[in-house]
Amino acid sequence: MPAPPKPLPEKFIAISIIEDNPYLRSAWRATLERVADFVILGDYDACEAALQAEDIGDSRVILMDIGLPGMSGIEGVALFKQRFPRVNIIMVTVHQDDQHVFDAICAGAVGYLLKSVSPEEMIDAVRQAVDGGSPMTPQIARKVISAFQQSPSSTADQPDLTDKERQVLAYLAEGKSYKMIADAMNLSVHSIRYYLRSIYEKLQVSSRAEAVAKGLKQRLINPLRK
């Protein structure tokens, strides 16, 4: 049997691309391949194809579209973050409405770019993500800031979440599964579900995405916590 490939040296940034438009996918790859310390592990037209790649977990950055065939990019972010918690996922999409932006952040994306970004901006976004930043197209950053400015400045009207409930909500915002949250908090999955029911009731929501979006807007959790 051939020996497994050796891991890339730390100085190289391993990147994977998930985009169903072949022309855009090729253009992104050509842009990034020109950078000396960038290595493209692969490019894929769907999340399902990327998940079958043996080295996808070695990616430090994944550039992902939202409107993909089969599994959507939003669903893909949550699944990739569950399987590969250390990967940095940047959405690159045409969608700039509030719901897509917050759903992507809630699912675990560290950045959100519009497809109109220049090659230089895309390269800079990859470096920002690796350095612990949250790269965003200016229009998207404005939406995030606006959401906070519109949220109540007083904590008087905020739901009275317990410390553990806030912790569960923060883990949800990181895209963690119930089991991962249970393991991180040394609790059972049953206990996590109990806390979730309480969170849903206090926030008056009925889904994970709604809970995290409301938590972001009311400053109950940090939207860019990674």
C-alpha atoms as a PDB file:
ATOM      1  CA  MET A   1       0.000   0.000   0.000  1.00  0.00           C
ATOM      2  CA  PRO A   2       1.277   3.517  -0.751  1.00  0.00           C
ATOM      3  CA  ALA A   3       2.318   5.572   2.239  1.00  0.00           C
ATOM      4  CA  PRO A   4      -0.218   8.190   3.366  1.00  0.00           C
ATOM      5  CA  PRO A   5       0.597  11.738   2.237  1.00  0.00           C
ATOM      6  CA  LYS A   6       2.653  13.776   4.645  1.00  0.00           C
ATOM      7  CA  PRO A   7       0.921  16.777   6.233  1.00  0.00           C
ATOM      8  CA  LEU A   8       1.699  20.142   4.704  1.00  0.00           C
ATOM      9  CA  PRO A   9       4.200  22.332   6.557  1.00  0.00           C
ATOM     10  CA  GLU A  10       2.559  24.888   8.842  1.00  0.00           C
ATOM     11  CA  LYS A  11       3.640  27.754   6.578  1.00  0.00           C
ATOM     12  CA  PHE A  12       1.295  26.533   3.819  1.00  0.00           C
ATOM     13  CA  ILE A  13      -2.428  27.297   3.900  1.00  0.00           C
ATOM     14  CA  ALA A  14      -4.499  24.381   2.619  1.00  0.00           C
ATOM     15  CA  ILE A  15      -7.701  25.497   0.881  1.00  0.00           C
ATOM     16  CA  SER A  16     -10.727  23.683  -0.533  1.00  0.00           C
ATOM     17  CA  ILE A  17     -13.411  25.205  -2.774  1.00  0.00           C
ATOM     18  CA  ILE A  18     -17.086  24.216  -2.953  1.00  0.00           C
ATOM     19  CA  GLU A  19     -18.910  26.029  -5.778  1.00  0.00           C
ATOM     20  CA  ASP A  20     -21.239  24.532  -8.393  1.00  0.00           C
ATOM     21  CA  ASN A  21     -20.511  27.109 -11.113  1.00  0.00           C
ATOM     22  CA  PRO A  22     -17.524  25.622 -12.980  1.00  0.00           C
ATOM     23  CA  TYR A  23     -16.355  28.984 -14.320  1.00  0.00           C
ATOM     24  CA  LEU A  24     -16.329  30.623 -10.902  1.00  0.00           C
ATOM     25  CA  ARG A  25     -14.752  27.555  -9.344  1.00  0.00           C
ATOM     26  CA  SER A  26     -11.980  27.616 -11.922  1.00  0.00           C
ATOM     27  CA  ALA A  27     -11.469  31.373 -11.483  1.00  0.00           C
ATOM     28  CA  TRP A  28     -11.223  31.100  -7.692  1.00  0.00           C
ATOM     29  CA  ARG A  29      -8.750  28.264  -8.004  1.00  0.00           C
ATOM     30  CA  ALA A  30      -6.602  30.168 -10.507  1.00  0.00           C
ATOM     31  CA  THR A  31      -6.626  33.223  -8.222  1.00  0.00           C
ATOM     32  CA  LEU A  32      -5.550  31.315  -5.132  1.00  0.00           C
ATOM     33  CA  GLU A  33      -3.002  29.098  -6.858  1.00  0.00           C
ATOM     34  CA  ARG A  34      -0.972  32.202  -7.722  1.00  0.00           C
ATOM     35  CA  VAL A  35      -0.217  32.749  -4.024  1.00  0.00           C
ATOM     36  CA  ALA A  36       3.044  31.086  -3.036  1.00  0.00           C
ATOM     37  CA  ASP A  37       1.935  29.765   0.361  1.00  0.00           C
ATOM     38  CA  PHE A  38      -1.579  28.667  -0.696  1.00  0.00           C
ATOM     39  CA  VAL A  39      -2.204  25.025  -1.596  1.00  0.00           C
ATOM     40  CA  ILE A  40      -5.513  23.999  -3.183  1.00  0.00           C
ATOM     41  CA  LEU A  41      -6.470  20.557  -1.892  1.00  0.00           C
ATOM     42  CA  GLY A  42      -9.441  20.268  -4.217  1.00  0.00           C
ATOM     43  CA  ASP A  43     -12.467  21.962  -5.740  1.00  0.00           C
ATOM     44  CA  TYR A  44     -15.957  20.476  -5.710  1.00  0.00           C
ATOM     45  CA  ASP A  45     -19.389  21.215  -7.119  1.00  0.00           C
ATOM     46  CA  ALA A  46     -21.306  20.045  -4.027  1.00  0.00           C
ATOM     47  CA  CYS A  47     -20.874  19.454  -0.314  1.00  0.00           C
ATOM     48  CA  GLU A  48     -21.547  15.754  -0.810  1.00  0.00           C
ATOM     49  CA  ALA A  49     -18.586  15.450  -3.195  1.00  0.00           C
ATOM     50  CA  ALA A  50     -16.309  17.397  -0.841  1.00  0.00           C
ATOM     51  CA  LEU A  51     -17.228  15.191   2.115  1.00  0.00           C
ATOM     52  CA  GLN A  52     -16.068  12.133   0.190  1.00  0.00           C
ATOM     53  CA  ALA A  53     -12.580  13.598  -0.311  1.00  0.00           C
ATOM     54  CA  GLU A  54     -10.028  11.950   1.982  1.00  0.00           C
ATOM     55  CA  ASP A  55      -8.116  15.161   2.664  1.00  0.00           C
ATOM     56  CA  ILE A  56     -11.010  17.596   3.077  1.00  0.00           C
ATOM     57  CA  GLY A  57     -10.438  17.601   6.835  1.00  0.00           C
ATOM     58  CA  ASP A  58      -6.902  18.908   6.259  1.00  0.00           C
ATOM     59  CA  SER A  59      -8.290  22.184   4.902  1.00  0.00           C
ATOM     60  CA  ARG A  60      -7.525  25.251   6.966  1.00  0.00           C
ATOM     61  CA  VAL A  61      -9.984  27.275   4.895  1.00  0.00           C
ATOM     62  CA  ILE A  62     -13.012  26.228   2.851  1.00  0.00           C
ATOM     63  CA  LEU A  63     -14.632  28.688   0.442  1.00  0.00           C
ATOM     64  CA  MET A  64     -18.281  27.671   0.084  1.00  0.00           C
ATOM     65  CA  ASP A  65     -21.279  28.842  -1.900  1.00  0.00           C
ATOM     66  CA  ILE A  66     -24.750  28.815  -0.346  1.00  0.00           C
ATOM     67  CA  GLY A  67     -26.911  27.903  -3.344  1.00  0.00           C
ATOM     68  CA  LEU A  68     -25.502  24.436  -3.988  1.00  0.00           C
ATOM     69  CA  PRO A  69     -27.233  21.397  -5.534  1.00  0.00           C
ATOM     70  CA  GLY A  70     -28.300  18.861  -2.943  1.00  0.00           C
ATOM     71  CA  MET A  71     -27.137  19.980   0.494  1.00  0.00           C
ATOM     72  CA  SER A  72     -27.220  23.768   0.805  1.00  0.00           C
ATOM     73  CA  GLY A  73     -24.171  25.727   1.888  1.00  0.00           C
ATOM     74  CA  ILE A  74     -25.878  26.589   5.197  1.00  0.00           C
ATOM     75  CA  GLU A  75     -26.449  22.901   5.932  1.00  0.00           C
ATOM     76  CA  GLY A  76     -22.933  22.176   4.742  1.00  0.00           C
ATOM     77  CA  VAL A  77     -21.338  24.673   7.136  1.00  0.00           C
ATOM     78  CA  ALA A  78     -23.022  23.075  10.146  1.00  0.00           C
ATOM     79  CA  LEU A  79     -21.991  19.569   9.055  1.00  0.00           C
ATOM     80  CA  PHE A  80     -18.402  20.506   8.228  1.00  0.00           C
ATOM     81  CA  LYS A  81     -18.008  22.312  11.553  1.00  0.00           C
ATOM     82  CA  GLN A  82     -19.372  19.267  13.349  1.00  0.00           C
ATOM     83  CA  ARG A  83     -16.916  16.918  11.635  1.00  0.00           C
ATOM     84  CA  PHE A  84     -13.959  19.290  11.364  1.00  0.00           C
ATOM     85  CA  PRO A  85     -14.270  21.910  14.141  1.00  0.00           C
ATOM     86  CA  ARG A  86     -10.946  23.593  13.342  1.00  0.00           C
ATOM     87  CA  VAL A  87     -11.696  24.372   9.693  1.00  0.00           C
ATOM     88  CA  ASN A  88     -12.422  28.018   8.813  1.00  0.00           C
ATOM     89  CA  ILE A  89     -15.374  28.316   6.431  1.00  0.00           C
ATOM     90  CA  ILE A  90     -15.948  31.464   4.391  1.00  0.00           C
ATOM     91  CA  MET A  91     -19.217  31.801   2.511  1.00  0.00           C
ATOM     92  CA  VAL A  92     -18.829  33.305  -0.966  1.00  0.00           C
ATOM     93  CA  THR A  93     -22.297  33.931  -2.359  1.00  0.00           C
ATOM     94  CA  VAL A  94     -24.721  36.253  -4.123  1.00  0.00           C
ATOM     95  CA  HIS A  95     -27.091  36.201  -1.153  1.00  0.00           C
ATOM     96  CA  GLN A  96     -26.902  39.278   1.051  1.00  0.00           C
ATOM     97  CA  ASP A  97     -30.260  39.265   2.841  1.00  0.00           C
ATOM     98  CA  ASP A  98     -30.261  39.255   6.636  1.00  0.00           C
ATOM     99  CA  GLN A  99     -31.568  35.703   6.969  1.00  0.00           C
ATOM    100  CA  HIS A 100     -28.809  34.111   4.875  1.00  0.00           C
ATOM    101  CA  VAL A 101     -26.126  36.166   6.623  1.00  0.00           C
ATOM    102  CA  PHE A 102     -27.237  35.257  10.133  1.00  0.00           C
ATOM    103  CA  ASP A 103     -28.003  31.630   9.264  1.00  0.00           C
ATOM    104  CA  ALA A 104     -24.465  31.241   7.892  1.00  0.00           C
ATOM    105  CA  ILE A 105     -22.865  32.807  10.968  1.00  0.00           C
ATOM    106  CA  CYS A 106     -25.079  30.769  13.273  1.00  0.00           C
ATOM    107  CA  ALA A 107     -24.126  27.573  11.461  1.00  0.00           C
ATOM    108  CA  GLY A 108     -20.434  28.252  12.017  1.00  0.00           C
ATOM    109  CA  ALA A 109     -19.084  30.327   9.111  1.00  0.00           C
ATOM    110  CA  VAL A 110     -16.235  32.664  10.116  1.00  0.00           C
ATOM    111  CA  GLY A 111     -16.623  34.951   7.105  1.00  0.00           C
ATOM    112  CA  TYR A 112     -19.148  36.077   4.503  1.00  0.00           C
ATOM    113  CA  LEU A 113     -18.162  37.465   1.111  1.00  0.00           C
ATOM    114  CA  LEU A 114     -20.185  38.437  -1.925  1.00  0.00           C
ATOM    115  CA  LYS A 115     -19.116  36.960  -5.254  1.00  0.00           C
ATOM    116  CA  SER A 116     -18.324  40.451  -6.482  1.00  0.00           C
ATOM    117  CA  VAL A 117     -15.152  40.549  -4.341  1.00  0.00           C
ATOM    118  CA  SER A 118     -11.877  41.163  -6.146  1.00  0.00           C
ATOM    119  CA  PRO A 119      -9.138  38.518  -6.281  1.00  0.00           C
ATOM    120  CA  GLU A 120      -7.096  40.587  -3.829  1.00  0.00           C
ATOM    121  CA  GLU A 121     -10.015  40.732  -1.384  1.00  0.00           C
ATOM    122  CA  MET A 122     -10.483  36.961  -1.572  1.00  0.00           C
ATOM    123  CA  ILE A 123      -6.791  36.346  -0.891  1.00  0.00           C
ATOM    124  CA  ASP A 124      -6.875  38.769   2.029  1.00  0.00           C
ATOM    125  CA  ALA A 125     -10.022  37.082   3.396  1.00  0.00           C
ATOM    126  CA  VAL A 126      -8.274  33.701   3.483  1.00  0.00           C
ATOM    127  CA  ARG A 127      -5.376  35.172   5.441  1.00  0.00           C
ATOM    128  CA  GLN A 128      -7.746  36.939   7.836  1.00  0.00           C
ATOM    129  CA  ALA A 129      -9.614  33.708   8.548  1.00  0.00           C
ATOM    130  CA  VAL A 130      -6.387  31.810   9.269  1.00  0.00           C
ATOM    131  CA  ASP A 131      -5.241  34.620  11.569  1.00  0.00           C
ATOM    132  CA  GLY A 132      -8.424  34.362  13.615  1.00  0.00           C
ATOM    133  CA  GLY A 133     -10.391  37.137  11.920  1.00  0.00           C
ATOM    134  CA  SER A 134     -13.882  37.184  10.427  1.00  0.00           C
ATOM    135  CA  PRO A 135     -13.607  38.562   6.885  1.00  0.00           C
ATOM    136  CA  MET A 136     -16.745  40.146   5.501  1.00  0.00           C
ATOM    137  CA  THR A 137     -17.662  42.155   2.446  1.00  0.00           C
ATOM    138  CA  PRO A 138     -18.321  45.742   3.660  1.00  0.00           C
ATOM    139  CA  GLN A 139     -22.046  45.510   2.872  1.00  0.00           C
ATOM    140  CA  ILE A 140     -22.323  42.394   5.028  1.00  0.00           C
ATOM    141  CA  ALA A 141     -20.344  43.893   7.890  1.00  0.00           C
ATOM    142  CA  ARG A 142     -22.749  46.846   7.811  1.00  0.00           C
ATOM    143  CA  LYS A 143     -25.698  44.454   8.198  1.00  0.00           C
ATOM    144  CA  VAL A 144     -24.124  42.798  11.233  1.00  0.00           C
ATOM    145  CA  ILE A 145     -23.358  46.169  12.832  1.00  0.00           C
ATOM    146  CA  SER A 146     -26.857  47.427  12.025  1.00  0.00           C
ATOM    147  CA  ALA A 147     -28.416  44.398  13.712  1.00  0.00           C
ATOM    148  CA  PHE A 148     -26.543  45.233  16.903  1.00  0.00           C
ATOM    149  CA  GLN A 149     -27.371  48.917  16.718  1.00  0.00           C
ATOM    150  CA  GLN A 150     -31.047  48.065  16.397  1.00  0.00           C
ATOM    151  CA  SER A 151     -30.964  45.686  19.357  1.00  0.00           C
ATOM    152  CA  PRO A 152     -31.975  47.002  22.791  1.00  0.00           C
ATOM    153  CA  SER A 153     -29.144  48.837  24.551  1.00  0.00           C
ATOM    154  CA  SER A 154     -30.622  47.997  27.923  1.00  0.00           C
ATOM    155  CA  THR A 155     -30.465  44.526  29.422  1.00  0.00           C
ATOM    156  CA  ALA A 156     -33.753  45.076  31.213  1.00  0.00           C
ATOM    157  CA  ASP A 157     -35.813  43.542  28.399  1.00  0.00           C
ATOM    158  CA  GLN A 158     -33.414  40.698  27.666  1.00  0.00           C
ATOM    159  CA  PRO A 159     -34.571  37.151  28.417  1.00  0.00           C
ATOM    160  CA  ASP A 160     -33.329  35.927  31.779  1.00  0.00           C
ATOM    161  CA  LEU A 161     -31.124  33.065  30.583  1.00  0.00           C
ATOM    162  CA  THR A 162     -29.066  31.176  33.121  1.00  0.00           C
ATOM    163  CA  ASP A 163     -25.307  30.874  32.708  1.00  0.00           C
ATOM    164  CA  LYS A 164     -25.646  27.322  31.424  1.00  0.00           C
ATOM    165  CA  GLU A 165     -28.358  28.350  28.963  1.00  0.00           C
ATOM    166  CA  ARG A 166     -26.120  31.124  27.628  1.00  0.00           C
ATOM    167  CA  GLN A 167     -23.292  28.612  27.324  1.00  0.00           C
ATOM    168  CA  VAL A 168     -25.497  26.199  25.365  1.00  0.00           C
ATOM    169  CA  LEU A 169     -26.627  29.062  23.116  1.00  0.00           C
ATOM    170  CA  ALA A 170     -23.005  30.086  22.496  1.00  0.00           C
ATOM    171  CA  TYR A 171     -22.100  26.528  21.506  1.00  0.00           C
ATOM    172  CA  LEU A 172     -25.090  26.449  19.141  1.00  0.00           C
ATOM    173  CA  ALA A 173     -23.725  29.587  17.483  1.00  0.00           C
ATOM    174  CA  GLU A 174     -20.454  27.749  16.894  1.00  0.00           C
ATOM    175  CA  GLY A 175     -22.306  25.065  14.937  1.00  0.00           C
ATOM    176  CA  LYS A 176     -21.797  22.309  17.506  1.00  0.00           C
ATOM    177  CA  SER A 177     -24.112  19.297  17.623  1.00  0.00           C
ATOM    178  CA  TYR A 178     -26.073  18.409  20.760  1.00  0.00           C
ATOM    179  CA  LYS A 179     -23.614  15.611  21.530  1.00  0.00           C
ATOM    180  CA  MET A 180     -20.611  17.922  21.103  1.00  0.00           C
ATOM    181  CA  ILE A 181     -22.230  20.456  23.455  1.00  0.00           C
ATOM    182  CA  ALA A 182     -22.985  17.718  25.975  1.00  0.00           C
ATOM    183  CA  ASP A 183     -19.372  16.518  25.865  1.00  0.00           C
ATOM    184  CA  ALA A 184     -17.992  20.056  26.211  1.00  0.00           C
ATOM    185  CA  MET A 185     -20.196  20.769  29.239  1.00  0.00           C
ATOM    186  CA  ASN A 186     -19.873  17.292  30.801  1.00  0.00           C
ATOM    187  CA  LEU A 187     -23.614  16.810  30.603  1.00  0.00           C
ATOM    188  CA  SER A 188     -25.943  14.315  28.963  1.00  0.00           C
ATOM    189  CA  VAL A 189     -27.651  14.975  25.631  1.00  0.00           C
ATOM    190  CA  HIS A 190     -30.935  14.769  27.556  1.00  0.00           C
ATOM    191  CA  SER A 191     -29.795  17.679  29.748  1.00  0.00           C
ATOM    192  CA  ILE A 192     -28.846  19.727  26.676  1.00  0.00           C
ATOM    193  CA  ARG A 193     -32.296  19.135  25.213  1.00  0.00           C
ATOM    194  CA  TYR A 194     -33.806  20.308  28.519  1.00  0.00           C
ATOM    195  CA  TYR A 195     -31.787  23.529  28.375  1.00  0.00           C
ATOM    196  CA  LEU A 196     -32.797  24.010  24.742  1.00  0.00           C
ATOM    197  CA  ARG A 197     -36.485  23.745  25.572  1.00  0.00           C
ATOM    198  CA  SER A 198     -36.011  26.383  28.239  1.00  0.00           C
ATOM    199  CA  ILE A 199     -34.050  28.622  25.837  1.00  0.00           C
ATOM    200  CA  TYR A 200     -36.722  28.296  23.137  1.00  0.00           C
ATOM    201  CA  GLU A 201     -39.440  29.166  25.641  1.00  0.00           C
ATOM    202  CA  LYS A 202     -37.612  32.199  27.046  1.00  0.00           C
ATOM    203  CA  LEU A 203     -36.643  33.517  23.598  1.00  0.00           C
ATOM    204  CA  GLN A 204     -40.065  32.649  22.160  1.00  0.00           C
ATOM    205  CA  VAL A 205     -38.584  30.793  19.189  1.00  0.00           C
ATOM    206  CA  SER A 206     -39.102  27.339  17.726  1.00  0.00           C
ATOM    207  CA  SER A 207     -35.817  26.462  16.007  1.00  0.00           C
ATOM    208  CA  ARG A 208     -32.061  26.454  16.517  1.00  0.00           C
ATOM    209  CA  ALA A 209     -31.481  29.112  13.838  1.00  0.00           C
ATOM    210  CA  GLU A 210     -34.113  31.417  15.347  1.00  0.00           C
ATOM    211  CA  ALA A 211     -32.624  30.974  18.833  1.00  0.00           C
ATOM    212  CA  VAL A 212     -29.111  31.861  17.712  1.00  0.00           C
ATOM    213  CA  ALA A 213     -30.274  34.752  15.526  1.00  0.00           C
ATOM    214  CA  LYS A 214     -32.205  36.223  18.465  1.00  0.00           C
ATOM    215  CA  GLY A 215     -29.246  35.628  20.757  1.00  0.00           C
ATOM    216  CA  LEU A 216     -27.037  37.552  18.342  1.00  0.00           C
ATOM    217  CA  LYS A 217     -29.419  40.458  17.964  1.00  0.00           C
ATOM    218  CA  GLN A 218     -29.991  40.794  21.705  1.00  0.00           C
ATOM    219  CA  ARG A 219     -26.280  40.465  22.485  1.00  0.00           C
ATOM    220  CA  LEU A 220     -26.769  37.346  24.551  1.00  0.00           C
ATOM    221  CA  ILE A 221     -23.834  35.797  22.706  1.00  0.00           C
ATOM    222  CA  ASN A 222     -20.888  37.031  20.651  1.00  0.00           C
ATOM    223  CA  PRO A 223     -21.711  36.567  16.914  1.00  0.00           C
ATOM    224  CA  LEU A 224     -18.086  36.095  15.879  1.00  0.00           C
ATOM    225  CA  ARG A 225     -16.959  33.884  18.740  1.00  0.00           C
ATOM    226  CA  LYS A 226     -14.639  31.157  17.423  1.00  0.00           C
END
